[in-house]
Amino acid sequence: MSRIYLKIPVERAGALIGEKGGTKVELEKGTGSSIEVDGATGEVVIEMDASSGTRDPSGVLKARDIVNAIGRGFSPERAFRLFTDGQMLEVIDLKQALGESRNQLQRIKGRIIGEDGKTRRIIELLTGTVVSVYGHTVSIIGEYDEIIVAKEAVAMLVKGAMHGSVYRYLNKEHAELKKRKMSLWEERPALKEVRPREAEGGEDPEGVD
């Protein structure tokens, strides 16, 4: 697939383009793609940039995911997490569960966001994902296992579960996610022995946005 056509909300076109076109240029360089954005209609065309010298279509697919993420309300900084291998985008359409009721949609969005954004922040903190609630969608960026947990938390809120129950579920799954990551880390073959003095200078991994 060398060319992809997308449409994002018109009000998100400016975020995709960025100041003086900076966001679009950064995305093009990072994916080896050429991107055209129609600010009046929100239509986007992505194709491989012949001048980049690459014939790998995976860059176009990655650009598609990042464009979709920005279109679903993520800031470019958060959407650019998708440059990292293993990071995925999941978009949940609330209309599939709620129908066309505008009042119901607003109520459920409020439950997912929480007072002053509390619930959304807790979902992000305990799953390692980033979450955007925009229009009639909830979008999640993270690793596969993290997204599964975040999706279930959102589903519980949509079905009317108490926030306390959702937080208990997230805390339990947070511990399981940590165990799995520790297990994967322990199974990796040692590349070299690190002397104590070298280890003292290590830095913690970057936290969630």
C-alpha atoms as a PDB file:
ATOM      1  CA  MET A   1       0.000   0.000   0.000  1.00  0.00           C
ATOM      2  CA  SER A   2       1.857   3.081  -1.236  1.00  0.00           C
ATOM      3  CA  ARG A   3      -0.910   5.687  -0.982  1.00  0.00           C
ATOM      4  CA  ILE A   4      -3.550   6.194   1.722  1.00  0.00           C
ATOM      5  CA  TYR A   5      -6.490   8.591   1.787  1.00  0.00           C
ATOM      6  CA  LEU A   6      -7.843   9.785   5.139  1.00  0.00           C
ATOM      7  CA  LYS A   7     -10.203  12.382   6.478  1.00  0.00           C
ATOM      8  CA  ILE A   8      -9.799  13.992   9.881  1.00  0.00           C
ATOM      9  CA  PRO A   9     -11.974  16.627  11.573  1.00  0.00           C
ATOM     10  CA  VAL A  10     -11.319  20.035  10.002  1.00  0.00           C
ATOM     11  CA  GLU A  11     -10.566  21.531  13.423  1.00  0.00           C
ATOM     12  CA  ARG A  12      -7.667  19.059  13.832  1.00  0.00           C
ATOM     13  CA  ALA A  13      -5.974  19.937  10.526  1.00  0.00           C
ATOM     14  CA  GLY A  14      -4.037  22.788  12.140  1.00  0.00           C
ATOM     15  CA  ALA A  15      -2.631  20.447  14.810  1.00  0.00           C
ATOM     16  CA  LEU A  16      -1.507  18.026  12.096  1.00  0.00           C
ATOM     17  CA  ILE A  17       0.183  20.733  10.052  1.00  0.00           C
ATOM     18  CA  GLY A  18       1.704  22.493  13.062  1.00  0.00           C
ATOM     19  CA  GLU A  19       3.257  25.938  13.360  1.00  0.00           C
ATOM     20  CA  LYS A  20       4.880  26.827  10.026  1.00  0.00           C
ATOM     21  CA  GLY A  21       4.236  23.243   8.931  1.00  0.00           C
ATOM     22  CA  GLY A  22       6.641  21.879  11.535  1.00  0.00           C
ATOM     23  CA  THR A  23       4.544  18.919  12.732  1.00  0.00           C
ATOM     24  CA  LYS A  24       3.851  17.685   9.210  1.00  0.00           C
ATOM     25  CA  VAL A  25       7.529  17.982   8.250  1.00  0.00           C
ATOM     26  CA  GLU A  26       8.617  16.045  11.353  1.00  0.00           C
ATOM     27  CA  LEU A  27       6.090  13.323  10.597  1.00  0.00           C
ATOM     28  CA  GLU A  28       7.210  13.089   6.975  1.00  0.00           C
ATOM     29  CA  LYS A  29      10.884  12.807   7.951  1.00  0.00           C
ATOM     30  CA  GLY A  30      10.157  10.213  10.620  1.00  0.00           C
ATOM     31  CA  THR A  31       8.168   7.947   8.301  1.00  0.00           C
ATOM     32  CA  GLY A  32       9.750   8.542   4.885  1.00  0.00           C
ATOM     33  CA  SER A  33       6.398   9.685   3.572  1.00  0.00           C
ATOM     34  CA  SER A  34       4.884  12.653   1.764  1.00  0.00           C
ATOM     35  CA  ILE A  35       1.727  14.111   3.321  1.00  0.00           C
ATOM     36  CA  GLU A  36      -0.796  16.508   1.814  1.00  0.00           C
ATOM     37  CA  VAL A  37      -3.375  18.119   4.103  1.00  0.00           C
ATOM     38  CA  ASP A  38      -6.424  20.062   2.924  1.00  0.00           C
ATOM     39  CA  GLY A  39      -7.166  22.425   5.789  1.00  0.00           C
ATOM     40  CA  ALA A  40     -10.587  23.283   4.389  1.00  0.00           C
ATOM     41  CA  THR A  41     -11.934  19.712   4.198  1.00  0.00           C
ATOM     42  CA  GLY A  42      -9.683  17.713   6.520  1.00  0.00           C
ATOM     43  CA  GLU A  43      -8.723  15.376   3.680  1.00  0.00           C
ATOM     44  CA  VAL A  44      -5.233  13.856   3.971  1.00  0.00           C
ATOM     45  CA  VAL A  45      -3.185  11.951   1.379  1.00  0.00           C
ATOM     46  CA  ILE A  46      -0.154   9.917   2.529  1.00  0.00           C
ATOM     47  CA  GLU A  47       2.279   8.253   0.153  1.00  0.00           C
ATOM     48  CA  MET A  48       5.857   7.076   0.086  1.00  0.00           C
ATOM     49  CA  ASP A  49       8.328   9.882  -0.538  1.00  0.00           C
ATOM     50  CA  ALA A  50      10.335   8.827  -3.599  1.00  0.00           C
ATOM     51  CA  SER A  51      13.137  11.205  -2.665  1.00  0.00           C
ATOM     52  CA  SER A  52      13.645   9.461   0.701  1.00  0.00           C
ATOM     53  CA  GLY A  53      15.141   6.429  -1.037  1.00  0.00           C
ATOM     54  CA  THR A  54      12.990   3.928   0.887  1.00  0.00           C
ATOM     55  CA  ARG A  55      10.553   1.412  -0.605  1.00  0.00           C
ATOM     56  CA  ASP A  56       9.282   0.211   2.764  1.00  0.00           C
ATOM     57  CA  PRO A  57       5.510   0.808   2.987  1.00  0.00           C
ATOM     58  CA  SER A  58       5.518   0.434   6.774  1.00  0.00           C
ATOM     59  CA  GLY A  59       6.404   4.128   7.104  1.00  0.00           C
ATOM     60  CA  VAL A  60       3.200   5.065   5.297  1.00  0.00           C
ATOM     61  CA  LEU A  61       1.200   2.853   7.668  1.00  0.00           C
ATOM     62  CA  LYS A  62       2.890   4.431  10.681  1.00  0.00           C
ATOM     63  CA  ALA A  63       2.153   7.895   9.289  1.00  0.00           C
ATOM     64  CA  ARG A  64      -1.491   6.840   8.863  1.00  0.00           C
ATOM     65  CA  ASP A  65      -1.733   5.841  12.527  1.00  0.00           C
ATOM     66  CA  ILE A  66      -0.143   9.085  13.716  1.00  0.00           C
ATOM     67  CA  VAL A  67      -2.428  11.182  11.498  1.00  0.00           C
ATOM     68  CA  ASN A  68      -5.439   9.282  12.852  1.00  0.00           C
ATOM     69  CA  ALA A  69      -4.231   9.808  16.422  1.00  0.00           C
ATOM     70  CA  ILE A  70      -3.895  13.572  15.938  1.00  0.00           C
ATOM     71  CA  GLY A  71      -7.290  13.564  14.249  1.00  0.00           C
ATOM     72  CA  ARG A  72      -8.803  11.863  17.299  1.00  0.00           C
ATOM     73  CA  GLY A  73      -7.593  14.597  19.645  1.00  0.00           C
ATOM     74  CA  PHE A  74      -4.056  13.632  20.688  1.00  0.00           C
ATOM     75  CA  SER A  75      -1.437  16.351  20.720  1.00  0.00           C
ATOM     76  CA  PRO A  76       1.371  15.696  18.220  1.00  0.00           C
ATOM     77  CA  GLU A  77       3.734  15.017  21.135  1.00  0.00           C
ATOM     78  CA  ARG A  78       1.514  12.218  22.415  1.00  0.00           C
ATOM     79  CA  ALA A  79       0.728  10.897  18.945  1.00  0.00           C
ATOM     80  CA  PHE A  80       4.465  10.653  18.218  1.00  0.00           C
ATOM     81  CA  ARG A  81       4.669   7.823  20.769  1.00  0.00           C
ATOM     82  CA  LEU A  82       3.597   5.737  17.781  1.00  0.00           C
ATOM     83  CA  PHE A  83       7.087   6.178  16.311  1.00  0.00           C
ATOM     84  CA  THR A  84       8.197   3.665  18.950  1.00  0.00           C
ATOM     85  CA  ASP A  85       8.013  -0.006  17.976  1.00  0.00           C
ATOM     86  CA  GLY A  86       5.314  -1.858  19.891  1.00  0.00           C
ATOM     87  CA  GLN A  87       3.101   1.198  20.370  1.00  0.00           C
ATOM     88  CA  MET A  88      -0.365   0.857  18.844  1.00  0.00           C
ATOM     89  CA  LEU A  89      -3.467   2.996  18.353  1.00  0.00           C
ATOM     90  CA  GLU A  90      -6.926   1.757  19.314  1.00  0.00           C
ATOM     91  CA  VAL A  91     -10.041   3.831  18.564  1.00  0.00           C
ATOM     92  CA  ILE A  92     -13.316   3.001  20.352  1.00  0.00           C
ATOM     93  CA  ASP A  93     -16.516   4.380  18.815  1.00  0.00           C
ATOM     94  CA  LEU A  94     -18.898   5.085  21.694  1.00  0.00           C
ATOM     95  CA  LYS A  95     -21.834   5.300  19.285  1.00  0.00           C
ATOM     96  CA  GLN A  96     -21.621   1.538  18.789  1.00  0.00           C
ATOM     97  CA  ALA A  97     -22.616   1.076  22.437  1.00  0.00           C
ATOM     98  CA  LEU A  98     -24.706   4.200  23.014  1.00  0.00           C
ATOM     99  CA  GLY A  99     -26.411   4.879  19.708  1.00  0.00           C
ATOM    100  CA  GLU A 100     -27.141   8.442  18.636  1.00  0.00           C
ATOM    101  CA  SER A 101     -28.246   9.852  22.012  1.00  0.00           C
ATOM    102  CA  ARG A 102     -26.250  13.054  22.485  1.00  0.00           C
ATOM    103  CA  ASN A 103     -27.119  13.304  26.189  1.00  0.00           C
ATOM    104  CA  GLN A 104     -26.028   9.735  26.830  1.00  0.00           C
ATOM    105  CA  LEU A 105     -22.797  10.315  24.932  1.00  0.00           C
ATOM    106  CA  GLN A 106     -21.945  13.407  26.969  1.00  0.00           C
ATOM    107  CA  ARG A 107     -22.713  11.593  30.226  1.00  0.00           C
ATOM    108  CA  ILE A 108     -20.490   8.631  29.407  1.00  0.00           C
ATOM    109  CA  LYS A 109     -17.674  10.862  28.174  1.00  0.00           C
ATOM    110  CA  GLY A 110     -17.876  12.678  31.498  1.00  0.00           C
ATOM    111  CA  ARG A 111     -17.564   9.352  33.353  1.00  0.00           C
ATOM    112  CA  ILE A 112     -14.475   8.384  31.352  1.00  0.00           C
ATOM    113  CA  ILE A 113     -12.786  11.767  31.773  1.00  0.00           C
ATOM    114  CA  GLY A 114     -13.789  12.183  35.419  1.00  0.00           C
ATOM    115  CA  GLU A 115     -13.805  15.321  37.523  1.00  0.00           C
ATOM    116  CA  ASP A 116     -10.959  17.582  36.361  1.00  0.00           C
ATOM    117  CA  GLY A 117      -9.699  14.696  34.207  1.00  0.00           C
ATOM    118  CA  LYS A 118      -9.071  12.419  37.217  1.00  0.00           C
ATOM    119  CA  THR A 119     -10.395   9.163  35.769  1.00  0.00           C
ATOM    120  CA  ARG A 120      -8.577   9.530  32.464  1.00  0.00           C
ATOM    121  CA  ARG A 121      -5.327  10.258  34.324  1.00  0.00           C
ATOM    122  CA  ILE A 122      -5.740   7.175  36.526  1.00  0.00           C
ATOM    123  CA  ILE A 123      -6.341   4.970  33.469  1.00  0.00           C
ATOM    124  CA  GLU A 124      -3.174   6.377  31.884  1.00  0.00           C
ATOM    125  CA  LEU A 125      -1.086   6.054  35.040  1.00  0.00           C
ATOM    126  CA  LEU A 126      -2.052   2.457  35.828  1.00  0.00           C
ATOM    127  CA  THR A 127      -1.860   1.134  32.261  1.00  0.00           C
ATOM    128  CA  GLY A 128       1.035   3.132  30.814  1.00  0.00           C
ATOM    129  CA  THR A 129      -1.178   4.333  27.967  1.00  0.00           C
ATOM    130  CA  VAL A 130      -2.288   7.776  26.848  1.00  0.00           C
ATOM    131  CA  VAL A 131      -6.006   8.376  26.301  1.00  0.00           C
ATOM    132  CA  SER A 132      -7.954  10.926  24.264  1.00  0.00           C
ATOM    133  CA  VAL A 133     -11.711  11.431  24.598  1.00  0.00           C
ATOM    134  CA  TYR A 134     -12.801  13.366  21.517  1.00  0.00           C
ATOM    135  CA  GLY A 135     -16.107  13.637  19.701  1.00  0.00           C
ATOM    136  CA  HIS A 136     -17.780  10.230  19.907  1.00  0.00           C
ATOM    137  CA  THR A 137     -14.533   8.263  20.293  1.00  0.00           C
ATOM    138  CA  VAL A 138     -12.117   7.171  22.982  1.00  0.00           C
ATOM    139  CA  SER A 139      -8.621   6.581  21.593  1.00  0.00           C
ATOM    140  CA  ILE A 140      -5.770   4.782  23.329  1.00  0.00           C
ATOM    141  CA  ILE A 141      -2.060   4.619  22.520  1.00  0.00           C
ATOM    142  CA  GLY A 142       0.096   2.000  24.203  1.00  0.00           C
ATOM    143  CA  GLU A 143       1.445  -1.517  23.971  1.00  0.00           C
ATOM    144  CA  TYR A 144      -0.988  -4.349  23.228  1.00  0.00           C
ATOM    145  CA  ASP A 145      -1.359  -5.620  26.814  1.00  0.00           C
ATOM    146  CA  GLU A 146      -1.735  -2.073  28.139  1.00  0.00           C
ATOM    147  CA  ILE A 147      -4.450  -1.244  25.619  1.00  0.00           C
ATOM    148  CA  ILE A 148      -6.437  -4.372  26.546  1.00  0.00           C
ATOM    149  CA  VAL A 149      -6.574  -3.249  30.192  1.00  0.00           C
ATOM    150  CA  ALA A 150      -7.428   0.367  29.329  1.00  0.00           C
ATOM    151  CA  LYS A 151     -10.192  -0.791  26.932  1.00  0.00           C
ATOM    152  CA  GLU A 152     -11.746  -2.947  29.640  1.00  0.00           C
ATOM    153  CA  ALA A 153     -11.716  -0.013  32.074  1.00  0.00           C
ATOM    154  CA  VAL A 154     -13.490   2.138  29.472  1.00  0.00           C
ATOM    155  CA  ALA A 155     -16.007  -0.659  28.807  1.00  0.00           C
ATOM    156  CA  MET A 156     -16.745  -0.931  32.527  1.00  0.00           C
ATOM    157  CA  LEU A 157     -17.423   2.797  32.739  1.00  0.00           C
ATOM    158  CA  VAL A 158     -19.659   2.675  29.656  1.00  0.00           C
ATOM    159  CA  LYS A 159     -21.658  -0.164  31.261  1.00  0.00           C
ATOM    160  CA  GLY A 160     -22.173   1.869  34.439  1.00  0.00           C
ATOM    161  CA  ALA A 161     -19.606   0.362  36.830  1.00  0.00           C
ATOM    162  CA  MET A 162     -18.767   2.475  39.877  1.00  0.00           C
ATOM    163  CA  HIS A 163     -15.504   4.373  39.576  1.00  0.00           C
ATOM    164  CA  GLY A 164     -14.170   2.612  42.684  1.00  0.00           C
ATOM    165  CA  SER A 165     -14.681  -0.778  41.032  1.00  0.00           C
ATOM    166  CA  VAL A 166     -12.856   0.403  37.917  1.00  0.00           C
ATOM    167  CA  TYR A 167      -9.949   1.724  39.979  1.00  0.00           C
ATOM    168  CA  ARG A 168      -9.669  -1.602  41.860  1.00  0.00           C
ATOM    169  CA  TYR A 169      -9.613  -3.447  38.544  1.00  0.00           C
ATOM    170  CA  LEU A 170      -6.911  -1.107  37.223  1.00  0.00           C
ATOM    171  CA  ASN A 171      -4.773  -1.508  40.343  1.00  0.00           C
ATOM    172  CA  LYS A 172      -4.972  -5.305  40.080  1.00  0.00           C
ATOM    173  CA  GLU A 173      -4.099  -5.282  36.375  1.00  0.00           C
ATOM    174  CA  HIS A 174      -1.329  -2.732  36.961  1.00  0.00           C
ATOM    175  CA  ALA A 175       0.389  -5.257  39.226  1.00  0.00           C
ATOM    176  CA  GLU A 176      -0.048  -7.974  36.581  1.00  0.00           C
ATOM    177  CA  LEU A 177       1.369  -5.731  33.842  1.00  0.00           C
ATOM    178  CA  LYS A 178       4.416  -5.013  36.007  1.00  0.00           C
ATOM    179  CA  LYS A 179       4.926  -8.745  36.639  1.00  0.00           C
ATOM    180  CA  ARG A 180       4.782  -9.542  32.935  1.00  0.00           C
ATOM    181  CA  LYS A 181       7.241  -6.780  32.075  1.00  0.00           C
ATOM    182  CA  MET A 182       9.636  -7.928  34.809  1.00  0.00           C
ATOM    183  CA  SER A 183       9.350 -11.503  33.540  1.00  0.00           C
ATOM    184  CA  LEU A 184      10.138 -10.434  29.978  1.00  0.00           C
ATOM    185  CA  TRP A 185      13.088  -8.390  31.208  1.00  0.00           C
ATOM    186  CA  GLU A 186      14.497 -11.323  33.204  1.00  0.00           C
ATOM    187  CA  GLU A 187      14.194 -13.619  30.165  1.00  0.00           C
ATOM    188  CA  ARG A 188      16.310 -11.335  27.962  1.00  0.00           C
ATOM    189  CA  PRO A 189      19.840 -12.650  27.361  1.00  0.00           C
ATOM    190  CA  ALA A 190      22.557 -10.648  29.079  1.00  0.00           C
ATOM    191  CA  LEU A 191      24.531  -8.636  26.536  1.00  0.00           C
ATOM    192  CA  LYS A 192      27.325  -7.592  28.843  1.00  0.00           C
ATOM    193  CA  GLU A 193      28.121  -7.339  32.496  1.00  0.00           C
ATOM    194  CA  VAL A 194      27.494  -3.877  33.938  1.00  0.00           C
ATOM    195  CA  ARG A 195      29.863  -2.784  36.672  1.00  0.00           C
ATOM    196  CA  PRO A 196      28.293  -1.125  39.755  1.00  0.00           C
ATOM    197  CA  ARG A 197      29.850   2.238  38.935  1.00  0.00           C
ATOM    198  CA  GLU A 198      28.184   2.200  35.483  1.00  0.00           C
ATOM    199  CA  ALA A 199      24.813   1.253  36.962  1.00  0.00           C
ATOM    200  CA  GLU A 200      24.893   4.199  39.346  1.00  0.00           C
ATOM    201  CA  GLY A 201      24.669   6.616  36.437  1.00  0.00           C
ATOM    202  CA  GLY A 202      21.497   5.039  34.941  1.00  0.00           C
ATOM    203  CA  GLU A 203      18.313   7.006  34.451  1.00  0.00           C
ATOM    204  CA  ASP A 204      14.707   5.992  34.985  1.00  0.00           C
ATOM    205  CA  PRO A 205      12.661   5.356  31.838  1.00  0.00           C
ATOM    206  CA  GLU A 206      10.617   8.251  30.590  1.00  0.00           C
ATOM    207  CA  GLY A 207       7.214   8.439  32.309  1.00  0.00           C
ATOM    208  CA  VAL A 208       3.758   8.715  30.793  1.00  0.00           C
ATOM    209  CA  ASP A 209       2.894  12.067  29.242  1.00  0.00           C
END
